Protein backbone atom coordinates (compact mmCIF):
# COMPACT_ATOMS: atom_id res chain seq x y z
CA UNK A 1 0.00 0.00 0.00
CA UNK A 2 1.44 3.46 -0.90
CA UNK A 3 2.59 5.64 1.95
CA UNK A 4 0.53 8.69 2.83
CA UNK A 5 2.11 12.15 2.80
CA UNK A 6 0.43 13.29 6.00
CA UNK A 7 3.07 15.10 8.02
CA UNK A 8 3.23 15.27 11.77
CA UNK A 9 0.43 17.57 12.94
CA UNK A 10 2.93 19.36 15.19
CA UNK A 11 4.82 20.57 12.12
CA UNK A 12 2.17 22.77 10.53
CA UNK A 13 4.03 25.60 8.74
CA UNK A 14 1.04 27.94 8.35
CA UNK A 15 3.26 30.90 9.17
CA UNK A 16 4.86 30.38 5.74
CA UNK A 17 1.65 31.51 4.03
CA UNK A 18 1.02 35.03 2.78
CA UNK A 19 -2.11 36.77 4.09
CA UNK A 20 -3.86 36.08 0.75
CA UNK A 21 -2.88 32.40 0.83
CA UNK A 22 -4.25 32.22 4.35
CA UNK A 23 -7.57 33.67 3.16
CA UNK A 24 -7.70 31.09 0.37
CA UNK A 25 -6.86 28.28 2.82
CA UNK A 26 -9.62 29.35 5.22
CA UNK A 27 -12.17 29.20 2.40
CA UNK A 28 -10.74 25.92 1.08
CA UNK A 29 -10.96 24.43 4.59
CA UNK A 30 -14.61 25.48 4.78
CA UNK A 31 -15.33 23.39 1.69
CA UNK A 32 -15.49 26.14 -0.93
CA UNK A 33 -14.74 25.41 -4.60
CA UNK A 34 -12.12 27.34 -6.56
CA UNK A 35 -14.91 29.26 -8.32
CA UNK A 36 -16.49 30.20 -5.00
CA UNK A 37 -13.12 31.26 -3.55
CA UNK A 38 -12.49 33.37 -6.64
CA UNK A 39 -15.87 35.10 -6.37
CA UNK A 40 -15.51 35.71 -2.63
CA UNK A 41 -11.99 37.18 -2.87
CA UNK A 42 -12.57 38.88 -6.25
CA UNK A 43 -9.79 36.89 -7.92
CA UNK A 44 -9.57 35.07 -11.23
CA UNK A 45 -9.94 31.30 -11.10
CA UNK A 46 -6.35 30.95 -12.31
CA UNK A 47 -5.12 33.17 -9.45
CA UNK A 48 -6.95 30.93 -6.97
CA UNK A 49 -5.37 27.84 -8.53
CA UNK A 50 -1.91 29.45 -8.25
CA UNK A 51 -2.52 30.33 -4.59
CA UNK A 52 -3.68 26.79 -3.84
CA UNK A 53 -0.64 25.26 -5.52
CA UNK A 54 1.58 27.62 -3.53
CA UNK A 55 -0.22 26.57 -0.33
CA UNK A 56 0.41 22.92 -1.13
CA UNK A 57 4.11 23.64 -1.58
CA UNK A 58 4.44 25.71 1.58
CA UNK A 59 2.54 23.12 3.64
CA UNK A 60 4.75 20.33 2.27
CA UNK A 61 1.89 18.51 0.55
CA UNK A 62 3.28 16.93 -2.63
CA UNK A 63 1.04 15.37 -5.26
CA UNK A 64 0.46 11.64 -4.79
CA UNK A 65 -1.91 9.06 -6.15
CA UNK A 66 -3.28 8.23 -2.69
CA UNK A 67 -3.92 11.59 -1.03
CA UNK A 68 -6.30 14.48 -1.73
CA UNK A 69 -4.16 17.58 -1.25
CA UNK A 70 -7.15 19.89 -0.64
CA UNK A 71 -8.28 17.66 2.22
CA UNK A 72 -4.77 17.46 3.67
CA UNK A 73 -4.39 21.25 3.53
CA UNK A 74 -7.77 21.68 5.22
CA UNK A 75 -6.83 19.17 7.92
CA UNK A 76 -3.54 20.95 8.59
CA UNK A 77 -5.37 24.27 8.89
CA UNK A 78 -8.08 22.85 11.14
CA UNK A 79 -5.52 21.11 13.36
CA UNK A 80 -3.50 24.31 13.69
CA UNK A 81 -6.57 26.35 14.62
CA UNK A 82 -7.68 23.71 17.13
CA UNK A 83 -4.23 23.83 18.73
CA UNK A 84 -4.30 27.62 18.88
CA UNK A 85 -1.20 27.97 16.71
CA UNK A 86 -3.05 30.10 14.15
CA UNK A 87 -5.03 33.22 14.82
CA UNK A 88 -8.24 33.55 12.78
CA UNK A 89 -7.24 37.02 11.57
CA UNK A 90 -3.78 35.93 10.34
PDB file of N, CA and C in Angstrom:
ATOM      1  N   UNK A   1       0.849  -1.178   0.000  1.00  0.00           N
ATOM      2  CA  UNK A   1       0.000   0.000   0.000  1.00  0.00           C
ATOM      3  C   UNK A   1       0.895   1.242   0.000  1.00  0.00           C
ATOM      4  N   UNK A   2       0.620   2.254  -0.855  1.00  0.00           N
ATOM      5  CA  UNK A   2       1.442   3.463  -0.905  1.00  0.00           C
ATOM      6  C   UNK A   2       1.386   4.225   0.409  1.00  0.00           C
ATOM      7  N   UNK A   3       2.489   4.884   0.712  1.00  0.00           N
ATOM      8  CA  UNK A   3       2.588   5.637   1.951  1.00  0.00           C
ATOM      9  C   UNK A   3       1.902   6.992   1.804  1.00  0.00           C
ATOM     10  N   UNK A   4       1.191   7.393   2.827  1.00  0.00           N
ATOM     11  CA  UNK A   4       0.525   8.688   2.831  1.00  0.00           C
ATOM     12  C   UNK A   4       1.538   9.794   3.081  1.00  0.00           C
ATOM     13  N   UNK A   5       1.202  11.007   2.616  1.00  0.00           N
ATOM     14  CA  UNK A   5       2.105  12.146   2.800  1.00  0.00           C
ATOM     15  C   UNK A   5       1.730  13.001   4.000  1.00  0.00           C
ATOM     16  N   UNK A   6       0.855  12.501   4.850  1.00  0.00           N
ATOM     17  CA  UNK A   6       0.434  13.294   5.997  1.00  0.00           C
ATOM     18  C   UNK A   6       1.620  13.493   6.929  1.00  0.00           C
ATOM     19  N   UNK A   7       1.958  14.761   7.144  1.00  0.00           N
ATOM     20  CA  UNK A   7       3.068  15.100   8.023  1.00  0.00           C
ATOM     21  C   UNK A   7       2.596  15.134   9.463  1.00  0.00           C
ATOM     22  N   UNK A   8       3.546  15.154  10.363  1.00  0.00           N
ATOM     23  CA  UNK A   8       3.228  15.266  11.775  1.00  0.00           C
ATOM     24  C   UNK A   8       2.395  16.522  12.006  1.00  0.00           C
ATOM     25  N   UNK A   9       1.278  16.404  12.721  1.00  0.00           N
ATOM     26  CA  UNK A   9       0.434  17.574  12.942  1.00  0.00           C
ATOM     27  C   UNK A   9       1.141  18.680  13.723  1.00  0.00           C
ATOM     28  N   UNK A  10       2.199  18.348  14.436  1.00  0.00           N
ATOM     29  CA  UNK A  10       2.932  19.362  15.188  1.00  0.00           C
ATOM     30  C   UNK A  10       3.772  20.245  14.277  1.00  0.00           C
ATOM     31  N   UNK A  11       3.971  19.830  13.053  1.00  0.00           N
ATOM     32  CA  UNK A  11       4.816  20.566  12.124  1.00  0.00           C
ATOM     33  C   UNK A  11       3.976  21.243  11.050  1.00  0.00           C
ATOM     34  N   UNK A  12       3.056  22.088  11.458  1.00  0.00           N
ATOM     35  CA  UNK A  12       2.167  22.770  10.526  1.00  0.00           C
ATOM     36  C   UNK A  12       2.747  24.160  10.244  1.00  0.00           C
ATOM     37  N   UNK A  13       3.345  24.337   9.060  1.00  0.00           N
ATOM     38  CA  UNK A  13       4.026  25.601   8.742  1.00  0.00           C
ATOM     39  C   UNK A  13       3.103  26.684   8.182  1.00  0.00           C
ATOM     40  N   UNK A  14       1.984  26.955   8.860  1.00  0.00           N
ATOM     41  CA  UNK A  14       1.039  27.943   8.355  1.00  0.00           C
ATOM     42  C   UNK A  14       1.628  29.348   8.343  1.00  0.00           C
ATOM     43  N   UNK A  15       2.649  29.577   9.153  1.00  0.00           N
ATOM     44  CA  UNK A  15       3.260  30.902   9.170  1.00  0.00           C
ATOM     45  C   UNK A  15       4.025  31.197   7.878  1.00  0.00           C
ATOM     46  N   UNK A  16       4.211  30.190   7.045  1.00  0.00           N
ATOM     47  CA  UNK A  16       4.856  30.382   5.739  1.00  0.00           C
ATOM     48  C   UNK A  16       3.926  31.046   4.726  1.00  0.00           C
ATOM     49  N   UNK A  17       2.629  31.016   5.001  1.00  0.00           N
ATOM     50  CA  UNK A  17       1.648  31.509   4.035  1.00  0.00           C
ATOM     51  C   UNK A  17       1.556  33.027   4.050  1.00  0.00           C
ATOM     52  N   UNK A  18       1.304  33.592   2.871  1.00  0.00           N
ATOM     53  CA  UNK A  18       1.017  35.025   2.785  1.00  0.00           C
ATOM     54  C   UNK A  18      -0.389  35.259   3.332  1.00  0.00           C
ATOM     55  N   UNK A  19      -0.728  36.500   3.643  1.00  0.00           N
ATOM     56  CA  UNK A  19      -2.107  36.767   4.092  1.00  0.00           C
ATOM     57  C   UNK A  19      -3.154  36.308   3.068  1.00  0.00           C
ATOM     58  N   UNK A  20      -2.906  36.503   1.776  1.00  0.00           N
ATOM     59  CA  UNK A  20      -3.862  36.079   0.749  1.00  0.00           C
ATOM     60  C   UNK A  20      -3.968  34.555   0.710  1.00  0.00           C
ATOM     61  N   UNK A  21      -2.843  33.861   0.806  1.00  0.00           N
ATOM     62  CA  UNK A  21      -2.881  32.396   0.826  1.00  0.00           C
ATOM     63  C   UNK A  21      -3.652  31.906   2.045  1.00  0.00           C
ATOM     64  N   UNK A  22      -3.507  32.582   3.147  1.00  0.00           N
ATOM     65  CA  UNK A  22      -4.251  32.216   4.350  1.00  0.00           C
ATOM     66  C   UNK A  22      -5.749  32.375   4.118  1.00  0.00           C
ATOM     67  N   UNK A  23      -6.152  33.475   3.475  1.00  0.00           N
ATOM     68  CA  UNK A  23      -7.573  33.675   3.163  1.00  0.00           C
ATOM     69  C   UNK A  23      -8.093  32.548   2.275  1.00  0.00           C
ATOM     70  N   UNK A  24      -7.304  32.182   1.275  1.00  0.00           N
ATOM     71  CA  UNK A  24      -7.696  31.093   0.373  1.00  0.00           C
ATOM     72  C   UNK A  24      -7.808  29.787   1.156  1.00  0.00           C
ATOM     73  N   UNK A  25      -6.842  29.516   2.032  1.00  0.00           N
ATOM     74  CA  UNK A  25      -6.865  28.276   2.815  1.00  0.00           C
ATOM     75  C   UNK A  25      -8.081  28.224   3.734  1.00  0.00           C
ATOM     76  N   UNK A  26      -8.439  29.323   4.352  1.00  0.00           N
ATOM     77  CA  UNK A  26      -9.616  29.353   5.224  1.00  0.00           C
ATOM     78  C   UNK A  26     -10.863  28.965   4.428  1.00  0.00           C
ATOM     79  N   UNK A  27     -11.008  29.523   3.233  1.00  0.00           N
ATOM     80  CA  UNK A  27     -12.167  29.202   2.403  1.00  0.00           C
ATOM     81  C   UNK A  27     -12.108  27.762   1.901  1.00  0.00           C
ATOM     82  N   UNK A  28     -10.921  27.305   1.506  1.00  0.00           N
ATOM     83  CA  UNK A  28     -10.742  25.916   1.078  1.00  0.00           C
ATOM     84  C   UNK A  28     -11.135  24.972   2.213  1.00  0.00           C
ATOM     85  N   UNK A  29     -10.674  25.283   3.435  1.00  0.00           N
ATOM     86  CA  UNK A  29     -10.963  24.427   4.587  1.00  0.00           C
ATOM     87  C   UNK A  29     -12.442  24.417   4.946  1.00  0.00           C
ATOM     88  N   UNK A  30     -13.167  25.454   4.522  1.00  0.00           N
ATOM     89  CA  UNK A  30     -14.611  25.477   4.784  1.00  0.00           C
ATOM     90  C   UNK A  30     -15.394  24.775   3.677  1.00  0.00           C
ATOM     91  N   UNK A  31     -14.678  24.185   2.721  1.00  0.00           N
ATOM     92  CA  UNK A  31     -15.328  23.392   1.687  1.00  0.00           C
ATOM     93  C   UNK A  31     -15.666  24.127   0.411  1.00  0.00           C
ATOM     94  N   UNK A  32     -15.168  25.340   0.252  1.00  0.00           N
ATOM     95  CA  UNK A  32     -15.490  26.139  -0.934  1.00  0.00           C
ATOM     96  C   UNK A  32     -14.741  25.640  -2.167  1.00  0.00           C
ATOM     97  N   UNK A  33     -15.363  25.757  -3.317  1.00  0.00           N
ATOM     98  CA  UNK A  33     -14.741  25.409  -4.600  1.00  0.00           C
ATOM     99  C   UNK A  33     -13.828  26.551  -5.035  1.00  0.00           C
ATOM    100  N   UNK A  34     -12.986  26.280  -6.024  1.00  0.00           N
ATOM    101  CA  UNK A  34     -12.122  27.340  -6.558  1.00  0.00           C
ATOM    102  C   UNK A  34     -12.959  28.506  -7.085  1.00  0.00           C
ATOM    103  N   UNK A  35     -14.054  28.207  -7.773  1.00  0.00           N
ATOM    104  CA  UNK A  35     -14.906  29.263  -8.323  1.00  0.00           C
ATOM    105  C   UNK A  35     -15.503  30.112  -7.204  1.00  0.00           C
ATOM    106  N   UNK A  36     -15.923  29.479  -6.125  1.00  0.00           N
ATOM    107  CA  UNK A  36     -16.489  30.202  -5.001  1.00  0.00           C
ATOM    108  C   UNK A  36     -15.427  31.052  -4.300  1.00  0.00           C
ATOM    109  N   UNK A  37     -14.227  30.507  -4.145  1.00  0.00           N
ATOM    110  CA  UNK A  37     -13.122  31.262  -3.547  1.00  0.00           C
ATOM    111  C   UNK A  37     -12.811  32.481  -4.413  1.00  0.00           C
ATOM    112  N   UNK A  38     -12.772  32.274  -5.719  1.00  0.00           N
ATOM    113  CA  UNK A  38     -12.485  33.374  -6.644  1.00  0.00           C
ATOM    114  C   UNK A  38     -13.541  34.472  -6.517  1.00  0.00           C
ATOM    115  N   UNK A  39     -14.804  34.100  -6.473  1.00  0.00           N
ATOM    116  CA  UNK A  39     -15.873  35.096  -6.368  1.00  0.00           C
ATOM    117  C   UNK A  39     -15.817  35.831  -5.028  1.00  0.00           C
ATOM    118  N   UNK A  40     -15.557  35.111  -3.967  1.00  0.00           N
ATOM    119  CA  UNK A  40     -15.506  35.714  -2.631  1.00  0.00           C
ATOM    120  C   UNK A  40     -14.358  36.707  -2.499  1.00  0.00           C
ATOM    121  N   UNK A  41     -13.186  36.340  -3.024  1.00  0.00           N
ATOM    122  CA  UNK A  41     -11.991  37.177  -2.875  1.00  0.00           C
ATOM    123  C   UNK A  41     -11.756  38.099  -4.069  1.00  0.00           C
ATOM    124  N   UNK A  42     -12.668  38.072  -5.029  1.00  0.00           N
ATOM    125  CA  UNK A  42     -12.574  38.875  -6.252  1.00  0.00           C
ATOM    126  C   UNK A  42     -11.219  38.620  -6.934  1.00  0.00           C
ATOM    127  N   UNK A  43     -10.997  37.345  -7.223  1.00  0.00           N
ATOM    128  CA  UNK A  43      -9.795  36.888  -7.923  1.00  0.00           C
ATOM    129  C   UNK A  43     -10.223  36.107  -9.155  1.00  0.00           C
ATOM    130  N   UNK A  44      -9.294  35.943 -10.088  1.00  0.00           N
ATOM    131  CA  UNK A  44      -9.571  35.070 -11.230  1.00  0.00           C
ATOM    132  C   UNK A  44      -9.420  33.622 -10.769  1.00  0.00           C
ATOM    133  N   UNK A  45     -10.107  32.707 -11.442  1.00  0.00           N
ATOM    134  CA  UNK A  45      -9.944  31.295 -11.101  1.00  0.00           C
ATOM    135  C   UNK A  45      -8.490  30.828 -11.213  1.00  0.00           C
ATOM    136  N   UNK A  46      -7.751  31.363 -12.182  1.00  0.00           N
ATOM    137  CA  UNK A  46      -6.351  30.948 -12.314  1.00  0.00           C
ATOM    138  C   UNK A  46      -5.511  31.475 -11.152  1.00  0.00           C
ATOM    139  N   UNK A  47      -5.844  32.654 -10.622  1.00  0.00           N
ATOM    140  CA  UNK A  47      -5.124  33.172  -9.453  1.00  0.00           C
ATOM    141  C   UNK A  47      -5.386  32.288  -8.237  1.00  0.00           C
ATOM    142  N   UNK A  48      -6.620  31.838  -8.080  1.00  0.00           N
ATOM    143  CA  UNK A  48      -6.955  30.934  -6.968  1.00  0.00           C
ATOM    144  C   UNK A  48      -6.166  29.639  -7.110  1.00  0.00           C
ATOM    145  N   UNK A  49      -6.116  29.079  -8.309  1.00  0.00           N
ATOM    146  CA  UNK A  49      -5.370  27.843  -8.534  1.00  0.00           C
ATOM    147  C   UNK A  49      -3.887  28.030  -8.197  1.00  0.00           C
ATOM    148  N   UNK A  50      -3.328  29.171  -8.567  1.00  0.00           N
ATOM    149  CA  UNK A  50      -1.915  29.451  -8.248  1.00  0.00           C
ATOM    150  C   UNK A  50      -1.716  29.555  -6.742  1.00  0.00           C
ATOM    151  N   UNK A  51      -2.627  30.226  -6.058  1.00  0.00           N
ATOM    152  CA  UNK A  51      -2.519  30.332  -4.595  1.00  0.00           C
ATOM    153  C   UNK A  51      -2.605  28.944  -3.948  1.00  0.00           C
ATOM    154  N   UNK A  52      -3.518  28.123  -4.415  1.00  0.00           N
ATOM    155  CA  UNK A  52      -3.683  26.794  -3.837  1.00  0.00           C
ATOM    156  C   UNK A  52      -2.437  25.946  -4.078  1.00  0.00           C
ATOM    157  N   UNK A  53      -1.870  26.017  -5.265  1.00  0.00           N
ATOM    158  CA  UNK A  53      -0.639  25.264  -5.523  1.00  0.00           C
ATOM    159  C   UNK A  53       0.506  25.761  -4.650  1.00  0.00           C
ATOM    160  N   UNK A  54       0.565  27.060  -4.417  1.00  0.00           N
ATOM    161  CA  UNK A  54       1.582  27.621  -3.527  1.00  0.00           C
ATOM    162  C   UNK A  54       1.365  27.133  -2.096  1.00  0.00           C
ATOM    163  N   UNK A  55       0.116  27.078  -1.673  1.00  0.00           N
ATOM    164  CA  UNK A  55      -0.220  26.573  -0.334  1.00  0.00           C
ATOM    165  C   UNK A  55       0.249  25.133  -0.191  1.00  0.00           C
ATOM    166  N   UNK A  56      -0.025  24.306  -1.187  1.00  0.00           N
ATOM    167  CA  UNK A  56       0.409  22.917  -1.133  1.00  0.00           C
ATOM    168  C   UNK A  56       1.928  22.835  -0.944  1.00  0.00           C
ATOM    169  N   UNK A  57       2.659  23.654  -1.688  1.00  0.00           N
ATOM    170  CA  UNK A  57       4.115  23.640  -1.577  1.00  0.00           C
ATOM    171  C   UNK A  57       4.587  24.084  -0.208  1.00  0.00           C
ATOM    172  N   UNK A  58       4.021  25.169   0.285  1.00  0.00           N
ATOM    173  CA  UNK A  58       4.439  25.713   1.579  1.00  0.00           C
ATOM    174  C   UNK A  58       4.038  24.824   2.750  1.00  0.00           C
ATOM    175  N   UNK A  59       2.973  24.045   2.584  1.00  0.00           N
ATOM    176  CA  UNK A  59       2.542  23.123   3.638  1.00  0.00           C
ATOM    177  C   UNK A  59       3.142  21.735   3.454  1.00  0.00           C
ATOM    178  N   UNK A  60       4.069  21.611   2.526  1.00  0.00           N
ATOM    179  CA  UNK A  60       4.751  20.328   2.274  1.00  0.00           C
ATOM    180  C   UNK A  60       3.763  19.216   1.944  1.00  0.00           C
ATOM    181  N   UNK A  61       2.877  19.496   0.996  1.00  0.00           N
ATOM    182  CA  UNK A  61       1.887  18.510   0.551  1.00  0.00           C
ATOM    183  C   UNK A  61       2.140  18.229  -0.928  1.00  0.00           C
ATOM    184  N   UNK A  62       2.989  17.252  -1.231  1.00  0.00           N
ATOM    185  CA  UNK A  62       3.280  16.933  -2.628  1.00  0.00           C
ATOM    186  C   UNK A  62       2.137  16.142  -3.270  1.00  0.00           C
ATOM    187  N   UNK A  63       2.065  16.176  -4.592  1.00  0.00           N
ATOM    188  CA  UNK A  63       1.038  15.367  -5.263  1.00  0.00           C
ATOM    189  C   UNK A  63       1.348  13.876  -5.119  1.00  0.00           C
ATOM    190  N   UNK A  64       0.336  13.102  -4.844  1.00  0.00           N
ATOM    191  CA  UNK A  64       0.462  11.643  -4.792  1.00  0.00           C
ATOM    192  C   UNK A  64      -0.792  11.045  -5.403  1.00  0.00           C
ATOM    193  N   UNK A  65      -0.742   9.752  -5.611  1.00  0.00           N
ATOM    194  CA  UNK A  65      -1.913   9.056  -6.147  1.00  0.00           C
ATOM    195  C   UNK A  65      -2.870   8.620  -5.045  1.00  0.00           C
ATOM    196  N   UNK A  66      -2.453   8.743  -3.789  1.00  0.00           N
ATOM    197  CA  UNK A  66      -3.285   8.230  -2.695  1.00  0.00           C
ATOM    198  C   UNK A  66      -3.901   9.306  -1.812  1.00  0.00           C
ATOM    199  N   UNK A  67      -3.427  10.535  -1.914  1.00  0.00           N
ATOM    200  CA  UNK A  67      -3.921  11.588  -1.032  1.00  0.00           C
ATOM    201  C   UNK A  67      -4.626  12.697  -1.808  1.00  0.00           C
ATOM    202  N   UNK A  68      -5.624  13.301  -1.181  1.00  0.00           N
ATOM    203  CA  UNK A  68      -6.296  14.477  -1.727  1.00  0.00           C
ATOM    204  C   UNK A  68      -5.656  15.689  -1.059  1.00  0.00           C
ATOM    205  N   UNK A  69      -4.915  16.467  -1.825  1.00  0.00           N
ATOM    206  CA  UNK A  69      -4.163  17.580  -1.254  1.00  0.00           C
ATOM    207  C   UNK A  69      -5.061  18.655  -0.655  1.00  0.00           C
ATOM    208  N   UNK A  70      -6.225  18.900  -1.223  1.00  0.00           N
ATOM    209  CA  UNK A  70      -7.152  19.889  -0.639  1.00  0.00           C
ATOM    210  C   UNK A  70      -7.572  19.454   0.765  1.00  0.00           C
ATOM    211  N   UNK A  71      -7.879  18.179   0.913  1.00  0.00           N
ATOM    212  CA  UNK A  71      -8.284  17.662   2.223  1.00  0.00           C
ATOM    213  C   UNK A  71      -7.125  17.753   3.208  1.00  0.00           C
ATOM    214  N   UNK A  72      -5.926  17.389   2.778  1.00  0.00           N
ATOM    215  CA  UNK A  72      -4.767  17.460   3.668  1.00  0.00           C
ATOM    216  C   UNK A  72      -4.482  18.898   4.095  1.00  0.00           C
ATOM    217  N   UNK A  73      -4.607  19.842   3.184  1.00  0.00           N
ATOM    218  CA  UNK A  73      -4.393  21.249   3.527  1.00  0.00           C
ATOM    219  C   UNK A  73      -5.450  21.702   4.532  1.00  0.00           C
ATOM    220  N   UNK A  74      -6.696  21.321   4.300  1.00  0.00           N
ATOM    221  CA  UNK A  74      -7.773  21.682   5.223  1.00  0.00           C
ATOM    222  C   UNK A  74      -7.528  21.075   6.602  1.00  0.00           C
ATOM    223  N   UNK A  75      -7.104  19.812   6.643  1.00  0.00           N
ATOM    224  CA  UNK A  75      -6.828  19.166   7.923  1.00  0.00           C
ATOM    225  C   UNK A  75      -5.691  19.857   8.666  1.00  0.00           C
ATOM    226  N   UNK A  76      -4.645  20.241   7.941  1.00  0.00           N
ATOM    227  CA  UNK A  76      -3.538  20.951   8.586  1.00  0.00           C
ATOM    228  C   UNK A  76      -4.015  22.278   9.162  1.00  0.00           C
ATOM    229  N   UNK A  77      -4.828  22.995   8.409  1.00  0.00           N
ATOM    230  CA  UNK A  77      -5.365  24.266   8.888  1.00  0.00           C
ATOM    231  C   UNK A  77      -6.241  24.046  10.125  1.00  0.00           C
ATOM    232  N   UNK A  78      -7.166  23.095  10.041  1.00  0.00           N
ATOM    233  CA  UNK A  78      -8.077  22.854  11.144  1.00  0.00           C
ATOM    234  C   UNK A  78      -7.332  22.386  12.389  1.00  0.00           C
ATOM    235  N   UNK A  79      -6.312  21.561  12.216  1.00  0.00           N
ATOM    236  CA  UNK A  79      -5.519  21.108  13.360  1.00  0.00           C
ATOM    237  C   UNK A  79      -4.792  22.288  13.997  1.00  0.00           C
ATOM    238  N   UNK A  80      -4.219  23.151  13.169  1.00  0.00           N
ATOM    239  CA  UNK A  80      -3.499  24.315  13.693  1.00  0.00           C
ATOM    240  C   UNK A  80      -4.438  25.247  14.452  1.00  0.00           C
ATOM    241  N   UNK A  81      -5.640  25.458  13.931  1.00  0.00           N
ATOM    242  CA  UNK A  81      -6.571  26.350  14.623  1.00  0.00           C
ATOM    243  C   UNK A  81      -7.068  25.718  15.922  1.00  0.00           C
ATOM    244  N   UNK A  82      -7.251  24.397  15.924  1.00  0.00           N
ATOM    245  CA  UNK A  82      -7.677  23.707  17.135  1.00  0.00           C
ATOM    246  C   UNK A  82      -6.602  23.763  18.213  1.00  0.00           C
ATOM    247  N   UNK A  83      -5.348  23.782  17.791  1.00  0.00           N
ATOM    248  CA  UNK A  83      -4.233  23.833  18.726  1.00  0.00           C
ATOM    249  C   UNK A  83      -3.899  25.254  19.157  1.00  0.00           C
ATOM    250  N   UNK A  84      -4.549  26.228  18.530  1.00  0.00           N
ATOM    251  CA  UNK A  84      -4.304  27.616  18.882  1.00  0.00           C
ATOM    252  C   UNK A  84      -3.025  28.178  18.281  1.00  0.00           C
ATOM    253  N   UNK A  85      -2.441  27.481  17.295  1.00  0.00           N
ATOM    254  CA  UNK A  85      -1.198  27.974  16.706  1.00  0.00           C
ATOM    255  C   UNK A  85      -1.436  28.912  15.526  1.00  0.00           C
ATOM    256  N   UNK A  86      -2.697  29.160  15.217  1.00  0.00           N
ATOM    257  CA  UNK A  86      -3.048  30.095  14.154  1.00  0.00           C
ATOM    258  C   UNK A  86      -4.144  30.999  14.679  1.00  0.00           C
ATOM    259  N   UNK A  87      -3.992  32.270  14.426  1.00  0.00           N
ATOM    260  CA  UNK A  87      -5.031  33.224  14.817  1.00  0.00           C
ATOM    261  C   UNK A  87      -5.975  33.406  13.642  1.00  0.00           C
ATOM    262  N   UNK A  88      -7.273  33.435  13.872  1.00  0.00           N
ATOM    263  CA  UNK A  88      -8.244  33.547  12.777  1.00  0.00           C
ATOM    264  C   UNK A  88      -8.037  34.760  11.876  1.00  0.00           C
ATOM    265  N   UNK A  89      -7.427  35.815  12.385  1.00  0.00           N
ATOM    266  CA  UNK A  89      -7.238  37.016  11.569  1.00  0.00           C
ATOM    267  C   UNK A  89      -5.844  37.097  10.973  1.00  0.00           C
ATOM    268  N   UNK A  90      -5.142  35.986  10.885  1.00  0.00           N
ATOM    269  CA  UNK A  90      -3.776  35.927  10.343  1.00  0.00           C
ATOM    270  C   UNK A  90      -3.630  36.702   9.058  1.00  0.00           C
TER     271      UNK A  90
END
